[in-house]
Amino acid sequence: YNHRFGSTAIQPGDVLVLRPDPSVPWFDYSSP
């Protein structure tokens, strides 16, 4: 959901969404 893949993909300072808001669109990281 947060467009992070693998345990090393996250970086300090990243704010990960754990509870998505269903009213907010989600965009695929690979392509529209």
PDB file of all heavy atoms in Angstrom:
ATOM      1  N   TYR A   1       0.832  -1.207   0.000  1.00  0.00           N
ATOM      2  CA  TYR A   1       0.000   0.000   0.000  1.00  0.00           C
ATOM      3  C   TYR A   1       0.867   1.258   0.000  1.00  0.00           C
ATOM      4  O   TYR A   1       0.535   2.256  -0.648  1.00  0.00           O
ATOM      5  CB  TYR A   1      -0.936   0.018   1.201  1.00  0.00           C
ATOM      6  CG  TYR A   1      -1.863   1.217   1.182  1.00  0.00           C
ATOM      7  CD1 TYR A   1      -3.001   1.213   0.376  1.00  0.00           C
ATOM      8  CD2 TYR A   1      -1.559   2.372   1.898  1.00  0.00           C
ATOM      9  CE1 TYR A   1      -3.823   2.336   0.308  1.00  0.00           C
ATOM     10  CE2 TYR A   1      -2.371   3.490   1.834  1.00  0.00           C
ATOM     11  CZ  TYR A   1      -3.502   3.466   1.036  1.00  0.00           C
ATOM     12  OH  TYR A   1      -4.299   4.579   0.959  1.00  0.00           O
ATOM     13  N   ASN A   2       1.980   1.203   0.724  1.00  0.00           N
ATOM     14  CA  ASN A   2       2.858   2.367   0.844  1.00  0.00           C
ATOM     15  C   ASN A   2       3.964   2.399  -0.215  1.00  0.00           C
ATOM     16  O   ASN A   2       4.900   3.191  -0.111  1.00  0.00           O
ATOM     17  CB  ASN A   2       3.479   2.396   2.241  1.00  0.00           C
ATOM     18  CG  ASN A   2       2.474   2.768   3.315  1.00  0.00           C
ATOM     19  OD1 ASN A   2       2.234   3.940   3.582  1.00  0.00           O
ATOM     20  ND2 ASN A   2       1.881   1.757   3.937  1.00  0.00           N
ATOM     21  N   HIS A   3       3.860   1.513  -1.210  1.00  0.00           N
ATOM     22  CA  HIS A   3       4.835   1.479  -2.301  1.00  0.00           C
ATOM     23  C   HIS A   3       6.247   1.207  -1.813  1.00  0.00           C
ATOM     24  O   HIS A   3       7.229   1.722  -2.353  1.00  0.00           O
ATOM     25  CB  HIS A   3       4.812   2.792  -3.095  1.00  0.00           C
ATOM     26  CG  HIS A   3       3.473   3.144  -3.643  1.00  0.00           C
ATOM     27  ND1 HIS A   3       2.949   4.411  -3.556  1.00  0.00           N
ATOM     28  CD2 HIS A   3       2.523   2.396  -4.260  1.00  0.00           C
ATOM     29  CE1 HIS A   3       1.745   4.433  -4.104  1.00  0.00           C
ATOM     30  NE2 HIS A   3       1.473   3.217  -4.546  1.00  0.00           N
ATOM     31  N   ARG A   4       6.353   0.362  -0.784  1.00  0.00           N
ATOM     32  CA  ARG A   4       7.660  -0.070  -0.300  1.00  0.00           C
ATOM     33  C   ARG A   4       7.719  -1.579  -0.481  1.00  0.00           C
ATOM     34  O   ARG A   4       6.765  -2.282  -0.140  1.00  0.00           O
ATOM     35  CB  ARG A   4       7.884   0.235   1.176  1.00  0.00           C
ATOM     36  CG  ARG A   4       7.776   1.681   1.682  1.00  0.00           C
ATOM     37  CD  ARG A   4       8.238   2.766   0.773  1.00  0.00           C
ATOM     38  NE  ARG A   4       8.398   4.030   1.487  1.00  0.00           N
ATOM     39  CZ  ARG A   4       7.478   4.992   1.520  1.00  0.00           C
ATOM     40  NH1 ARG A   4       6.319   4.839   0.920  1.00  0.00           N
ATOM     41  NH2 ARG A   4       7.735   6.124   2.165  1.00  0.00           N
ATOM     42  N   PHE A   5       8.840  -2.082  -0.983  1.00  0.00           N
ATOM     43  CA  PHE A   5       8.932  -3.503  -1.272  1.00  0.00           C
ATOM     44  C   PHE A   5      10.198  -4.075  -0.659  1.00  0.00           C
ATOM     45  O   PHE A   5      11.298  -3.652  -0.985  1.00  0.00           O
ATOM     46  CB  PHE A   5       8.903  -3.743  -2.784  1.00  0.00           C
ATOM     47  CG  PHE A   5       7.700  -3.125  -3.437  1.00  0.00           C
ATOM     48  CD1 PHE A   5       7.768  -1.878  -4.026  1.00  0.00           C
ATOM     49  CD2 PHE A   5       6.488  -3.789  -3.420  1.00  0.00           C
ATOM     50  CE1 PHE A   5       6.656  -1.296  -4.608  1.00  0.00           C
ATOM     51  CE2 PHE A   5       5.364  -3.218  -4.004  1.00  0.00           C
ATOM     52  CZ  PHE A   5       5.442  -1.978  -4.592  1.00  0.00           C
ATOM     53  N   GLY A   6      10.029  -5.034   0.241  1.00  0.00           N
ATOM     54  CA  GLY A   6      11.172  -5.623   0.927  1.00  0.00           C
ATOM     55  C   GLY A   6      11.487  -4.886   2.214  1.00  0.00           C
ATOM     56  O   GLY A   6      11.191  -3.696   2.363  1.00  0.00           O
ATOM     57  N   SER A   7      12.092  -5.579   3.148  1.00  0.00           N
ATOM     58  CA  SER A   7      12.326  -5.001   4.474  1.00  0.00           C
ATOM     59  C   SER A   7      13.312  -3.841   4.460  1.00  0.00           C
ATOM     60  O   SER A   7      13.384  -3.061   5.398  1.00  0.00           O
ATOM     61  CB  SER A   7      12.823  -6.094   5.430  1.00  0.00           C
ATOM     62  OG  SER A   7      14.038  -6.640   4.954  1.00  0.00           O
ATOM     63  N   THR A   8      14.120  -3.714   3.406  1.00  0.00           N
ATOM     64  CA  THR A   8      15.111  -2.632   3.361  1.00  0.00           C
ATOM     65  C   THR A   8      14.646  -1.444   2.533  1.00  0.00           C
ATOM     66  O   THR A   8      15.397  -0.488   2.344  1.00  0.00           O
ATOM     67  CB  THR A   8      16.441  -3.155   2.777  1.00  0.00           C
ATOM     68  OG1 THR A   8      16.218  -3.622   1.433  1.00  0.00           O
ATOM     69  CG2 THR A   8      16.997  -4.287   3.615  1.00  0.00           C
ATOM     70  N   ALA A   9      13.421  -1.489   2.024  1.00  0.00           N
ATOM     71  CA  ALA A   9      12.940  -0.425   1.137  1.00  0.00           C
ATOM     72  C   ALA A   9      12.511   0.819   1.903  1.00  0.00           C
ATOM     73  O   ALA A   9      12.404   1.892   1.324  1.00  0.00           O
ATOM     74  CB  ALA A   9      11.782  -0.926   0.286  1.00  0.00           C
ATOM     75  N   ILE A  10      12.242   0.697   3.195  1.00  0.00           N
ATOM     76  CA  ILE A  10      11.815   1.855   3.973  1.00  0.00           C
ATOM     77  C   ILE A  10      13.026   2.668   4.404  1.00  0.00           C
ATOM     78  O   ILE A  10      14.127   2.148   4.535  1.00  0.00           O
ATOM     79  CB  ILE A  10      10.990   1.423   5.199  1.00  0.00           C
ATOM     80  CG1 ILE A  10      11.769   0.432   6.062  1.00  0.00           C
ATOM     81  CG2 ILE A  10       9.666   0.820   4.760  1.00  0.00           C
ATOM     82  CD1 ILE A  10      11.056   0.026   7.337  1.00  0.00           C
ATOM     83  N   GLN A  11      12.793   3.967   4.629  1.00  0.00           N
ATOM     84  CA  GLN A  11      13.863   4.871   5.018  1.00  0.00           C
ATOM     85  C   GLN A  11      13.452   5.644   6.260  1.00  0.00           C
ATOM     86  O   GLN A  11      12.261   5.931   6.455  1.00  0.00           O
ATOM     87  CB  GLN A  11      14.178   5.851   3.886  1.00  0.00           C
ATOM     88  CG  GLN A  11      14.619   5.206   2.589  1.00  0.00           C
ATOM     89  CD  GLN A  11      15.946   4.497   2.706  1.00  0.00           C
ATOM     90  OE1 GLN A  11      16.813   4.926   3.471  1.00  0.00           O
ATOM     91  NE2 GLN A  11      16.120   3.408   1.964  1.00  0.00           N
ATOM     92  N   PRO A  12      14.401   5.999   7.130  1.00  0.00           N
ATOM     93  CA  PRO A  12      14.059   6.813   8.306  1.00  0.00           C
ATOM     94  C   PRO A  12      13.324   8.084   7.888  1.00  0.00           C
ATOM     95  O   PRO A  12      13.714   8.750   6.928  1.00  0.00           O
ATOM     96  CB  PRO A  12      15.429   7.140   8.921  1.00  0.00           C
ATOM     97  CG  PRO A  12      16.295   5.990   8.503  1.00  0.00           C
ATOM     98  CD  PRO A  12      15.837   5.638   7.105  1.00  0.00           C
ATOM     99  N   GLY A  13      12.262   8.377   8.594  1.00  0.00           N
ATOM    100  CA  GLY A  13      11.454   9.545   8.270  1.00  0.00           C
ATOM    101  C   GLY A  13      10.236   9.233   7.439  1.00  0.00           C
ATOM    102  O   GLY A  13       9.304  10.049   7.356  1.00  0.00           O
ATOM    103  N   ASP A  14      10.210   8.058   6.800  1.00  0.00           N
ATOM    104  CA  ASP A  14       9.024   7.662   6.042  1.00  0.00           C
ATOM    105  C   ASP A  14       7.822   7.565   6.977  1.00  0.00           C
ATOM    106  O   ASP A  14       7.930   7.036   8.092  1.00  0.00           O
ATOM    107  CB  ASP A  14       9.225   6.291   5.381  1.00  0.00           C
ATOM    108  CG  ASP A  14      10.140   6.345   4.172  1.00  0.00           C
ATOM    109  OD1 ASP A  14      10.471   7.461   3.732  1.00  0.00           O
ATOM    110  OD2 ASP A  14      10.514   5.265   3.676  1.00  0.00           O
ATOM    111  N   VAL A  15       6.680   8.064   6.526  1.00  0.00           N
ATOM    112  CA  VAL A  15       5.449   7.939   7.297  1.00  0.00           C
ATOM    113  C   VAL A  15       4.572   6.903   6.596  1.00  0.00           C
ATOM    114  O   VAL A  15       4.020   7.164   5.521  1.00  0.00           O
ATOM    115  CB  VAL A  15       4.711   9.288   7.404  1.00  0.00           C
ATOM    116  CG1 VAL A  15       3.417   9.117   8.200  1.00  0.00           C
ATOM    117  CG2 VAL A  15       5.610  10.336   8.072  1.00  0.00           C
ATOM    118  N   LEU A  16       4.472   5.724   7.181  1.00  0.00           N
ATOM    119  CA  LEU A  16       3.705   4.634   6.587  1.00  0.00           C
ATOM    120  C   LEU A  16       2.248   4.703   7.019  1.00  0.00           C
ATOM    121  O   LEU A  16       1.952   4.858   8.216  1.00  0.00           O
ATOM    122  CB  LEU A  16       4.297   3.286   7.007  1.00  0.00           C
ATOM    123  CG  LEU A  16       5.774   3.042   6.685  1.00  0.00           C
ATOM    124  CD1 LEU A  16       6.191   1.673   7.204  1.00  0.00           C
ATOM    125  CD2 LEU A  16       6.026   3.157   5.192  1.00  0.00           C
ATOM    126  N   VAL A  17       1.366   4.572   6.054  1.00  0.00           N
ATOM    127  CA  VAL A  17      -0.066   4.512   6.365  1.00  0.00           C
ATOM    128  C   VAL A  17      -0.401   3.084   6.777  1.00  0.00           C
ATOM    129  O   VAL A  17      -0.197   2.140   6.015  1.00  0.00           O
ATOM    130  CB  VAL A  17      -0.914   4.929   5.151  1.00  0.00           C
ATOM    131  CG1 VAL A  17      -2.404   4.723   5.446  1.00  0.00           C
ATOM    132  CG2 VAL A  17      -0.640   6.380   4.775  1.00  0.00           C
ATOM    133  N   LEU A  18      -0.928   2.921   7.981  1.00  0.00           N
ATOM    134  CA  LEU A  18      -1.338   1.609   8.472  1.00  0.00           C
ATOM    135  C   LEU A  18      -2.852   1.426   8.381  1.00  0.00           C
ATOM    136  O   LEU A  18      -3.332   0.299   8.307  1.00  0.00           O
ATOM    137  CB  LEU A  18      -0.900   1.425   9.933  1.00  0.00           C
ATOM    138  CG  LEU A  18       0.594   1.584  10.219  1.00  0.00           C
ATOM    139  CD1 LEU A  18       0.861   1.361  11.704  1.00  0.00           C
ATOM    140  CD2 LEU A  18       1.428   0.626   9.375  1.00  0.00           C
ATOM    141  N   ARG A  19      -3.576   2.538   8.412  1.00  0.00           N
ATOM    142  CA  ARG A  19      -5.041   2.498   8.308  1.00  0.00           C
ATOM    143  C   ARG A  19      -5.459   3.376   7.122  1.00  0.00           C
ATOM    144  O   ARG A  19      -5.658   4.585   7.266  1.00  0.00           O
ATOM    145  CB  ARG A  19      -5.694   3.010   9.587  1.00  0.00           C
ATOM    146  CG  ARG A  19      -7.238   2.934   9.585  1.00  0.00           C
ATOM    147  CD  ARG A  19      -7.820   3.571  10.841  1.00  0.00           C
ATOM    148  NE  ARG A  19      -7.277   2.973  12.042  1.00  0.00           N
ATOM    149  CZ  ARG A  19      -7.747   1.857  12.590  1.00  0.00           C
ATOM    150  NH1 ARG A  19      -8.785   1.247  12.058  1.00  0.00           N
ATOM    151  NH2 ARG A  19      -7.196   1.366  13.679  1.00  0.00           N
ATOM    152  N   PRO A  20      -5.587   2.803   5.926  1.00  0.00           N
ATOM    153  CA  PRO A  20      -5.967   3.610   4.763  1.00  0.00           C
ATOM    154  C   PRO A  20      -7.360   4.222   4.919  1.00  0.00           C
ATOM    155  O   PRO A  20      -8.240   3.648   5.574  1.00  0.00           O
ATOM    156  CB  PRO A  20      -5.949   2.596   3.614  1.00  0.00           C
ATOM    157  CG  PRO A  20      -5.099   1.469   4.099  1.00  0.00           C
ATOM    158  CD  PRO A  20      -5.332   1.396   5.577  1.00  0.00           C
ATOM    159  N   ASP A  21      -7.535   5.371   4.312  1.00  0.00           N
ATOM    160  CA  ASP A  21      -8.845   6.014   4.228  1.00  0.00           C
ATOM    161  C   ASP A  21      -9.486   5.547   2.919  1.00  0.00           C
ATOM    162  O   ASP A  21      -9.002   5.888   1.844  1.00  0.00           O
ATOM    163  CB  ASP A  21      -8.664   7.532   4.221  1.00  0.00           C
ATOM    164  CG  ASP A  21      -9.977   8.287   4.176  1.00  0.00           C
ATOM    165  OD1 ASP A  21     -11.016   7.670   3.846  1.00  0.00           O
ATOM    166  OD2 ASP A  21      -9.966   9.500   4.445  1.00  0.00           O
ATOM    167  N   PRO A  22     -10.585   4.760   2.986  1.00  0.00           N
ATOM    168  CA  PRO A  22     -11.190   4.220   1.760  1.00  0.00           C
ATOM    169  C   PRO A  22     -11.703   5.289   0.794  1.00  0.00           C
ATOM    170  O   PRO A  22     -11.972   4.982  -0.367  1.00  0.00           O
ATOM    171  CB  PRO A  22     -12.358   3.364   2.295  1.00  0.00           C
ATOM    172  CG  PRO A  22     -11.970   3.024   3.691  1.00  0.00           C
ATOM    173  CD  PRO A  22     -11.242   4.241   4.199  1.00  0.00           C
ATOM    174  N   SER A  23     -11.819   6.532   1.260  1.00  0.00           N
ATOM    175  CA  SER A  23     -12.287   7.597   0.369  1.00  0.00           C
ATOM    176  C   SER A  23     -11.141   8.220  -0.426  1.00  0.00           C
ATOM    177  O   SER A  23     -11.371   9.059  -1.301  1.00  0.00           O
ATOM    178  CB  SER A  23     -12.995   8.695   1.177  1.00  0.00           C
ATOM    179  OG  SER A  23     -12.073   9.395   2.006  1.00  0.00           O
ATOM    180  N   VAL A  24      -9.910   7.803  -0.138  1.00  0.00           N
ATOM    181  CA  VAL A  24      -8.727   8.365  -0.803  1.00  0.00           C
ATOM    182  C   VAL A  24      -8.241   7.407  -1.883  1.00  0.00           C
ATOM    183  O   VAL A  24      -8.003   6.231  -1.609  1.00  0.00           O
ATOM    184  CB  VAL A  24      -7.602   8.615   0.217  1.00  0.00           C
ATOM    185  CG1 VAL A  24      -6.332   9.074  -0.490  1.00  0.00           C
ATOM    186  CG2 VAL A  24      -8.040   9.653   1.248  1.00  0.00           C
ATOM    187  N   PRO A  25      -8.077   7.876  -3.131  1.00  0.00           N
ATOM    188  CA  PRO A  25      -7.604   6.991  -4.205  1.00  0.00           C
ATOM    189  C   PRO A  25      -6.211   6.444  -3.915  1.00  0.00           C
ATOM    190  O   PRO A  25      -5.379   7.121  -3.309  1.00  0.00           O
ATOM    191  CB  PRO A  25      -7.584   7.905  -5.440  1.00  0.00           C
ATOM    192  CG  PRO A  25      -8.469   9.055  -5.102  1.00  0.00           C
ATOM    193  CD  PRO A  25      -8.350   9.242  -3.617  1.00  0.00           C
ATOM    194  N   TRP A  26      -5.968   5.211  -4.366  1.00  0.00           N
ATOM    195  CA  TRP A  26      -4.633   4.610  -4.265  1.00  0.00           C
ATOM    196  C   TRP A  26      -4.085   4.445  -5.666  1.00  0.00           C
ATOM    197  O   TRP A  26      -4.785   4.013  -6.577  1.00  0.00           O
ATOM    198  CB  TRP A  26      -4.723   3.249  -3.576  1.00  0.00           C
ATOM    199  CG  TRP A  26      -3.399   2.544  -3.468  1.00  0.00           C
ATOM    200  CD1 TRP A  26      -2.460   2.724  -2.494  1.00  0.00           C
ATOM    201  CD2 TRP A  26      -2.861   1.553  -4.355  1.00  0.00           C
ATOM    202  NE1 TRP A  26      -1.377   1.906  -2.713  1.00  0.00           N
ATOM    203  CE2 TRP A  26      -1.595   1.176  -3.855  1.00  0.00           C
ATOM    204  CE3 TRP A  26      -3.328   0.949  -5.525  1.00  0.00           C
ATOM    205  CZ2 TRP A  26      -0.790   0.221  -4.472  1.00  0.00           C
ATOM    206  CZ3 TRP A  26      -2.530   0.003  -6.150  1.00  0.00           C
ATOM    207  CH2 TRP A  26      -1.285  -0.354  -5.621  1.00  0.00           C
ATOM    208  N   PHE A  27      -2.802   4.794  -5.842  1.00  0.00           N
ATOM    209  CA  PHE A  27      -2.183   4.728  -7.158  1.00  0.00           C
ATOM    210  C   PHE A  27      -1.138   3.620  -7.186  1.00  0.00           C
ATOM    211  O   PHE A  27      -0.258   3.560  -6.329  1.00  0.00           O
ATOM    212  CB  PHE A  27      -1.522   6.062  -7.508  1.00  0.00           C
ATOM    213  CG  PHE A  27      -2.453   7.238  -7.398  1.00  0.00           C
ATOM    214  CD1 PHE A  27      -2.255   8.214  -6.438  1.00  0.00           C
ATOM    215  CD2 PHE A  27      -3.547   7.344  -8.240  1.00  0.00           C
ATOM    216  CE1 PHE A  27      -3.119   9.282  -6.330  1.00  0.00           C
ATOM    217  CE2 PHE A  27      -4.417   8.411  -8.142  1.00  0.00           C
ATOM    218  CZ  PHE A  27      -4.212   9.381  -7.189  1.00  0.00           C
ATOM    219  N   ASP A  28      -1.239   2.765  -8.181  1.00  0.00           N
ATOM    220  CA  ASP A  28      -0.260   1.702  -8.371  1.00  0.00           C
ATOM    221  C   ASP A  28       1.096   2.324  -8.662  1.00  0.00           C
ATOM    222  O   ASP A  28       1.217   3.236  -9.481  1.00  0.00           O
ATOM    223  CB  ASP A  28      -0.692   0.807  -9.538  1.00  0.00           C
ATOM    224  CG  ASP A  28       0.115  -0.479  -9.618  1.00  0.00           C
ATOM    225  OD1 ASP A  28       1.345  -0.415  -9.431  1.00  0.00           O
ATOM    226  OD2 ASP A  28      -0.479  -1.530  -9.871  1.00  0.00           O
ATOM    227  N   TYR A  29       2.143   1.849  -7.997  1.00  0.00           N
ATOM    228  CA  TYR A  29       3.478   2.401  -8.170  1.00  0.00           C
ATOM    229  C   TYR A  29       4.067   2.046  -9.531  1.00  0.00           C
ATOM    230  O   TYR A  29       4.908   2.759 -10.059  1.00  0.00           O
ATOM    231  CB  TYR A  29       4.395   1.877  -7.067  1.00  0.00           C
ATOM    232  CG  TYR A  29       5.789   2.448  -7.083  1.00  0.00           C
ATOM    233  CD1 TYR A  29       6.026   3.744  -6.616  1.00  0.00           C
ATOM    234  CD2 TYR A  29       6.869   1.719  -7.555  1.00  0.00           C
ATOM    235  CE1 TYR A  29       7.305   4.278  -6.634  1.00  0.00           C
ATOM    236  CE2 TYR A  29       8.155   2.244  -7.564  1.00  0.00           C
ATOM    237  CZ  TYR A  29       8.360   3.533  -7.104  1.00  0.00           C
ATOM    238  OH  TYR A  29       9.621   4.063  -7.119  1.00  0.00           O
ATOM    239  N   SER A  30       3.625   0.927 -10.114  1.00  0.00           N
ATOM    240  CA  SER A  30       4.220   0.464 -11.363  1.00  0.00           C
ATOM    241  C   SER A  30       3.733   1.238 -12.576  1.00  0.00           C
ATOM    242  O   SER A  30       4.508   1.567 -13.474  1.00  0.00           O
ATOM    243  CB  SER A  30       3.935  -1.027 -11.567  1.00  0.00           C
ATOM    244  OG  SER A  30       4.507  -1.787 -10.534  1.00  0.00           O
ATOM    245  N   SER A  31       2.429   1.519 -12.616  1.00  0.00           N
ATOM    246  CA  SER A  31       1.866   2.229 -13.764  1.00  0.00           C
ATOM    247  C   SER A  31       0.465   2.700 -13.406  1.00  0.00           C
ATOM    248  O   SER A  31      -0.160   2.171 -12.491  1.00  0.00           O
ATOM    249  CB  SER A  31       1.794   1.310 -14.991  1.00  0.00           C
ATOM    250  OG  SER A  31       0.880   0.242 -14.765  1.00  0.00           O
ATOM    251  N   PRO A  32      -0.059   3.708 -14.121  1.00  0.00           N
ATOM    252  CA  PRO A  32      -1.429   4.148 -13.892  1.00  0.00           C
ATOM    253  C   PRO A  32      -2.402   3.007 -14.157  1.00  0.00           C
ATOM    254  O   PRO A  32      -2.116   2.082 -14.921  1.00  0.00           O
ATOM    255  CB  PRO A  32      -1.617   5.288 -14.911  1.00  0.00           C
ATOM    256  CG  PRO A  32      -0.245   5.718 -15.250  1.00  0.00           C
ATOM    257  CD  PRO A  32       0.607   4.498 -15.162  1.00  0.00           C
TER     258      PRO A  32
END
